[in-house]
Amino acid sequence: RDDAQGYLDVLGHEIVATAATVAEALELVAKRDFDLTILDVHLADGKTSETVAAALSDAGKAFIATSGDATIMAAGFDGRPVLRKPFRIAELERAIAAITG
């Protein structure tokens, strides 16, 4: 489990699914119901997740992008929060509160 998954557990959030590729993520957006997505900008298949971000936005689903790349800007993710890795649990908690109201 990565830090984000551990942090979500500690903060009392249930993880309903994970995806390693753009295709897996797009399928989950289309078929699953969830309150929030933690979206890594760079996925395991070597692709970036802007397509997934667009699908989440189109579906009206909340998301927070994460990246270790300091050049990634929130503008590419529909103005959603972008957390820089490594991030602390308090940063994730604040981002979740900001995006879910």
N, C-alpha and C. Protein backbone atom coordinates (compact mmCIF):
# COMPACT_ATOMS: atom_id res chain seq x y z
N ARG A 1 0.84 -1.19 0.00
CA ARG A 1 0.00 0.00 0.00
C ARG A 1 0.88 1.24 0.00
N ASP A 2 0.45 2.21 -0.76
CA ASP A 2 1.23 3.45 -0.77
C ASP A 2 0.78 4.37 0.36
N ASP A 3 1.48 5.48 0.52
CA ASP A 3 1.17 6.43 1.59
C ASP A 3 -0.27 6.92 1.52
N ALA A 4 -0.75 7.26 0.33
CA ALA A 4 -2.11 7.79 0.20
C ALA A 4 -3.14 6.79 0.72
N GLN A 5 -2.99 5.52 0.38
CA GLN A 5 -3.93 4.52 0.86
C GLN A 5 -3.89 4.40 2.38
N GLY A 6 -2.71 4.40 2.94
CA GLY A 6 -2.57 4.34 4.40
C GLY A 6 -3.17 5.57 5.06
N TYR A 7 -2.92 6.73 4.49
CA TYR A 7 -3.48 7.98 5.03
C TYR A 7 -5.01 7.94 4.98
N LEU A 8 -5.56 7.47 3.87
CA LEU A 8 -7.02 7.41 3.75
C LEU A 8 -7.61 6.49 4.81
N ASP A 9 -6.96 5.37 5.06
CA ASP A 9 -7.41 4.47 6.13
C ASP A 9 -7.41 5.19 7.48
N VAL A 10 -6.32 5.86 7.79
CA VAL A 10 -6.20 6.57 9.07
C VAL A 10 -7.27 7.65 9.19
N LEU A 11 -7.58 8.32 8.09
CA LEU A 11 -8.58 9.40 8.11
C LEU A 11 -10.01 8.87 8.08
N GLY A 12 -10.17 7.54 8.02
CA GLY A 12 -11.49 6.94 8.09
C GLY A 12 -12.24 6.83 6.78
N HIS A 13 -11.51 6.89 5.66
CA HIS A 13 -12.13 6.77 4.35
C HIS A 13 -12.00 5.34 3.84
N GLU A 14 -13.03 4.86 3.17
CA GLU A 14 -13.02 3.53 2.59
C GLU A 14 -12.50 3.59 1.16
N ILE A 15 -11.57 2.73 0.84
CA ILE A 15 -11.05 2.63 -0.53
C ILE A 15 -11.90 1.59 -1.25
N VAL A 16 -12.62 2.03 -2.28
CA VAL A 16 -13.52 1.11 -2.98
C VAL A 16 -12.87 0.46 -4.19
N ALA A 17 -11.82 1.06 -4.72
CA ALA A 17 -11.15 0.49 -5.89
C ALA A 17 -9.84 1.23 -6.13
N THR A 18 -8.92 0.57 -6.81
CA THR A 18 -7.70 1.20 -7.30
C THR A 18 -7.51 0.82 -8.76
N ALA A 19 -6.80 1.67 -9.49
CA ALA A 19 -6.52 1.42 -10.90
C ALA A 19 -5.07 1.79 -11.18
N ALA A 20 -4.41 0.99 -11.98
CA ALA A 20 -3.00 1.24 -12.31
C ALA A 20 -2.83 1.83 -13.70
N THR A 21 -3.87 1.74 -14.53
CA THR A 21 -3.76 2.21 -15.90
C THR A 21 -4.90 3.17 -16.24
N VAL A 22 -4.74 3.91 -17.30
CA VAL A 22 -5.79 4.80 -17.77
C VAL A 22 -7.05 4.00 -18.08
N ALA A 23 -6.91 2.87 -18.77
CA ALA A 23 -8.07 2.06 -19.14
C ALA A 23 -8.83 1.58 -17.91
N GLU A 24 -8.11 1.09 -16.90
CA GLU A 24 -8.76 0.64 -15.67
C GLU A 24 -9.48 1.80 -14.98
N ALA A 25 -8.83 2.95 -14.94
CA ALA A 25 -9.41 4.11 -14.28
C ALA A 25 -10.68 4.58 -15.00
N LEU A 26 -10.63 4.63 -16.33
CA LEU A 26 -11.80 5.05 -17.09
C LEU A 26 -12.97 4.09 -16.89
N GLU A 27 -12.68 2.81 -16.79
CA GLU A 27 -13.73 1.82 -16.53
C GLU A 27 -14.37 2.05 -15.16
N LEU A 28 -13.55 2.35 -14.17
CA LEU A 28 -14.08 2.62 -12.83
C LEU A 28 -14.93 3.89 -12.80
N VAL A 29 -14.48 4.92 -13.52
CA VAL A 29 -15.26 6.17 -13.58
C VAL A 29 -16.64 5.87 -14.16
N ALA A 30 -16.68 5.04 -15.18
CA ALA A 30 -17.94 4.73 -15.86
C ALA A 30 -18.85 3.82 -15.05
N LYS A 31 -18.27 2.91 -14.25
CA LYS A 31 -19.08 1.84 -13.66
C LYS A 31 -19.23 1.88 -12.14
N ARG A 32 -18.41 2.66 -11.45
CA ARG A 32 -18.45 2.63 -9.98
C ARG A 32 -18.95 3.95 -9.43
N ASP A 33 -19.54 3.87 -8.24
CA ASP A 33 -19.97 5.07 -7.53
C ASP A 33 -18.98 5.33 -6.40
N PHE A 34 -18.49 6.54 -6.30
CA PHE A 34 -17.55 6.90 -5.25
C PHE A 34 -17.62 8.40 -5.01
N ASP A 35 -17.14 8.82 -3.84
CA ASP A 35 -17.22 10.22 -3.46
C ASP A 35 -16.03 11.05 -3.90
N LEU A 36 -14.87 10.42 -4.00
CA LEU A 36 -13.63 11.15 -4.25
C LEU A 36 -12.60 10.22 -4.87
N THR A 37 -11.79 10.76 -5.76
CA THR A 37 -10.68 10.02 -6.36
C THR A 37 -9.37 10.71 -6.02
N ILE A 38 -8.39 9.91 -5.65
CA ILE A 38 -7.01 10.40 -5.54
C ILE A 38 -6.35 9.93 -6.83
N LEU A 39 -5.99 10.87 -7.67
CA LEU A 39 -5.55 10.58 -9.03
C LEU A 39 -4.06 10.88 -9.19
N ASP A 40 -3.27 9.83 -9.36
CA ASP A 40 -1.84 10.03 -9.61
C ASP A 40 -1.67 10.50 -11.04
N VAL A 41 -0.90 11.53 -11.24
CA VAL A 41 -0.72 12.10 -12.58
C VAL A 41 -0.04 11.10 -13.50
N HIS A 42 0.97 10.39 -13.00
CA HIS A 42 1.71 9.42 -13.81
C HIS A 42 1.30 8.02 -13.39
N LEU A 43 0.66 7.30 -14.31
CA LEU A 43 0.14 5.97 -14.01
C LEU A 43 1.15 4.88 -14.36
N ALA A 44 0.87 3.68 -13.89
CA ALA A 44 1.80 2.56 -14.04
C ALA A 44 2.04 2.18 -15.50
N ASP A 45 1.08 2.50 -16.38
CA ASP A 45 1.26 2.15 -17.79
C ASP A 45 2.11 3.18 -18.54
N GLY A 46 2.68 4.14 -17.79
CA GLY A 46 3.54 5.15 -18.39
C GLY A 46 2.79 6.33 -18.96
N LYS A 47 1.48 6.32 -18.87
CA LYS A 47 0.67 7.42 -19.38
C LYS A 47 0.36 8.39 -18.25
N THR A 48 -0.06 9.59 -18.63
CA THR A 48 -0.51 10.55 -17.63
C THR A 48 -2.04 10.51 -17.58
N SER A 49 -2.59 11.06 -16.53
CA SER A 49 -4.00 10.84 -16.23
C SER A 49 -4.94 11.99 -16.60
N GLU A 50 -4.53 12.89 -17.50
CA GLU A 50 -5.42 13.98 -17.90
C GLU A 50 -6.73 13.46 -18.49
N THR A 51 -6.69 12.35 -19.22
CA THR A 51 -7.91 11.77 -19.80
C THR A 51 -8.86 11.33 -18.69
N VAL A 52 -8.29 10.76 -17.64
CA VAL A 52 -9.09 10.32 -16.50
C VAL A 52 -9.66 11.54 -15.78
N ALA A 53 -8.85 12.58 -15.62
CA ALA A 53 -9.32 13.81 -14.98
C ALA A 53 -10.50 14.40 -15.75
N ALA A 54 -10.42 14.40 -17.08
CA ALA A 54 -11.51 14.92 -17.90
C ALA A 54 -12.77 14.09 -17.72
N ALA A 55 -12.62 12.76 -17.66
CA ALA A 55 -13.78 11.89 -17.47
C ALA A 55 -14.41 12.11 -16.09
N LEU A 56 -13.57 12.29 -15.07
CA LEU A 56 -14.08 12.57 -13.72
C LEU A 56 -14.84 13.90 -13.71
N SER A 57 -14.27 14.92 -14.35
CA SER A 57 -14.92 16.23 -14.41
C SER A 57 -16.26 16.13 -15.14
N ASP A 58 -16.27 15.44 -16.27
CA ASP A 58 -17.50 15.27 -17.05
C ASP A 58 -18.58 14.55 -16.25
N ALA A 59 -18.15 13.61 -15.38
CA ALA A 59 -19.09 12.84 -14.56
C ALA A 59 -19.46 13.57 -13.26
N GLY A 60 -18.84 14.74 -13.04
CA GLY A 60 -19.14 15.50 -11.83
C GLY A 60 -18.56 14.89 -10.57
N LYS A 61 -17.49 14.11 -10.71
CA LYS A 61 -16.87 13.44 -9.56
C LYS A 61 -15.67 14.24 -9.05
N ALA A 62 -15.57 14.33 -7.73
CA ALA A 62 -14.47 15.07 -7.10
C ALA A 62 -13.17 14.28 -7.20
N PHE A 63 -12.07 15.01 -7.41
CA PHE A 63 -10.77 14.35 -7.40
C PHE A 63 -9.68 15.30 -6.96
N ILE A 64 -8.61 14.69 -6.47
CA ILE A 64 -7.38 15.38 -6.10
C ILE A 64 -6.28 14.70 -6.88
N ALA A 65 -5.48 15.48 -7.60
CA ALA A 65 -4.35 14.93 -8.34
C ALA A 65 -3.11 14.91 -7.45
N THR A 66 -2.25 13.91 -7.64
CA THR A 66 -0.99 13.84 -6.92
C THR A 66 0.14 13.63 -7.91
N SER A 67 1.31 14.22 -7.62
CA SER A 67 2.46 14.07 -8.50
C SER A 67 3.74 14.43 -7.78
N GLY A 68 4.79 13.72 -8.11
CA GLY A 68 6.11 14.09 -7.64
C GLY A 68 6.77 15.09 -8.55
N ASP A 69 6.14 15.39 -9.67
CA ASP A 69 6.67 16.32 -10.67
C ASP A 69 6.23 17.74 -10.33
N ALA A 70 7.15 18.58 -9.93
CA ALA A 70 6.84 19.94 -9.50
C ALA A 70 6.32 20.82 -10.63
N THR A 71 6.43 20.37 -11.89
CA THR A 71 5.96 21.20 -13.00
C THR A 71 4.48 20.98 -13.31
N ILE A 72 3.86 19.99 -12.69
CA ILE A 72 2.44 19.72 -12.93
C ILE A 72 1.62 20.84 -12.28
N MET A 73 0.75 21.43 -13.05
CA MET A 73 -0.06 22.54 -12.56
C MET A 73 -1.53 22.12 -12.47
N ALA A 74 -2.24 22.71 -11.53
CA ALA A 74 -3.65 22.40 -11.33
C ALA A 74 -4.49 22.73 -12.57
N ALA A 75 -4.04 23.65 -13.41
CA ALA A 75 -4.80 24.04 -14.59
C ALA A 75 -5.08 22.85 -15.50
N GLY A 76 -4.16 21.91 -15.57
CA GLY A 76 -4.34 20.72 -16.39
C GLY A 76 -5.32 19.74 -15.79
N PHE A 77 -5.77 20.02 -14.58
CA PHE A 77 -6.67 19.11 -13.88
C PHE A 77 -7.93 19.84 -13.43
N ASP A 78 -8.42 20.70 -14.32
CA ASP A 78 -9.69 21.39 -14.12
C ASP A 78 -9.71 22.19 -12.82
N GLY A 79 -8.54 22.71 -12.43
CA GLY A 79 -8.46 23.53 -11.23
C GLY A 79 -8.54 22.78 -9.92
N ARG A 80 -8.54 21.45 -9.97
CA ARG A 80 -8.61 20.64 -8.75
C ARG A 80 -7.28 20.74 -8.01
N PRO A 81 -7.28 20.43 -6.71
CA PRO A 81 -6.02 20.44 -5.96
C PRO A 81 -5.01 19.45 -6.54
N VAL A 82 -3.75 19.85 -6.53
CA VAL A 82 -2.66 18.95 -6.90
C VAL A 82 -1.71 18.89 -5.71
N LEU A 83 -1.58 17.71 -5.12
CA LEU A 83 -0.66 17.51 -4.01
C LEU A 83 0.68 17.04 -4.54
N ARG A 84 1.75 17.66 -4.08
CA ARG A 84 3.10 17.26 -4.48
C ARG A 84 3.57 16.11 -3.59
N LYS A 85 4.03 15.04 -4.22
CA LYS A 85 4.59 13.92 -3.46
C LYS A 85 6.02 14.21 -3.09
N PRO A 86 6.48 13.78 -1.97
CA PRO A 86 5.67 13.13 -0.92
C PRO A 86 4.87 14.18 -0.16
N PHE A 87 3.64 13.84 0.18
CA PHE A 87 2.81 14.75 0.96
C PHE A 87 2.51 14.14 2.31
N ARG A 88 2.12 14.98 3.23
CA ARG A 88 1.81 14.55 4.59
C ARG A 88 0.31 14.33 4.73
N ILE A 89 -0.05 13.58 5.75
CA ILE A 89 -1.46 13.27 5.99
C ILE A 89 -2.28 14.54 6.18
N ALA A 90 -1.72 15.56 6.83
CA ALA A 90 -2.46 16.81 7.06
C ALA A 90 -2.75 17.52 5.74
N GLU A 91 -1.83 17.44 4.77
CA GLU A 91 -2.06 18.05 3.46
C GLU A 91 -3.20 17.35 2.73
N LEU A 92 -3.21 16.01 2.81
CA LEU A 92 -4.29 15.25 2.19
C LEU A 92 -5.62 15.56 2.85
N GLU A 93 -5.62 15.63 4.16
CA GLU A 93 -6.85 15.93 4.89
C GLU A 93 -7.40 17.30 4.49
N ARG A 94 -6.54 18.31 4.37
CA ARG A 94 -6.97 19.65 3.96
C ARG A 94 -7.52 19.64 2.52
N ALA A 95 -6.85 18.92 1.63
CA ALA A 95 -7.31 18.85 0.24
C ALA A 95 -8.67 18.16 0.14
N ILE A 96 -8.85 17.10 0.91
CA ILE A 96 -10.15 16.41 0.91
C ILE A 96 -11.24 17.34 1.41
N ALA A 97 -10.97 18.04 2.49
CA ALA A 97 -11.95 18.98 3.04
C ALA A 97 -12.27 20.09 2.04
N ALA A 98 -11.26 20.58 1.32
CA ALA A 98 -11.47 21.65 0.36
C ALA A 98 -12.32 21.19 -0.83
N ILE A 99 -12.11 19.99 -1.29
CA ILE A 99 -12.79 19.52 -2.51
C ILE A 99 -14.18 18.95 -2.20
N THR A 100 -14.38 18.45 -1.00
CA THR A 100 -15.68 17.85 -0.67
C THR A 100 -16.58 18.80 0.10
N GLY A 101 -16.02 19.95 0.53
CA GLY A 101 -16.80 20.96 1.21
C GLY A 101 -17.14 20.52 2.59
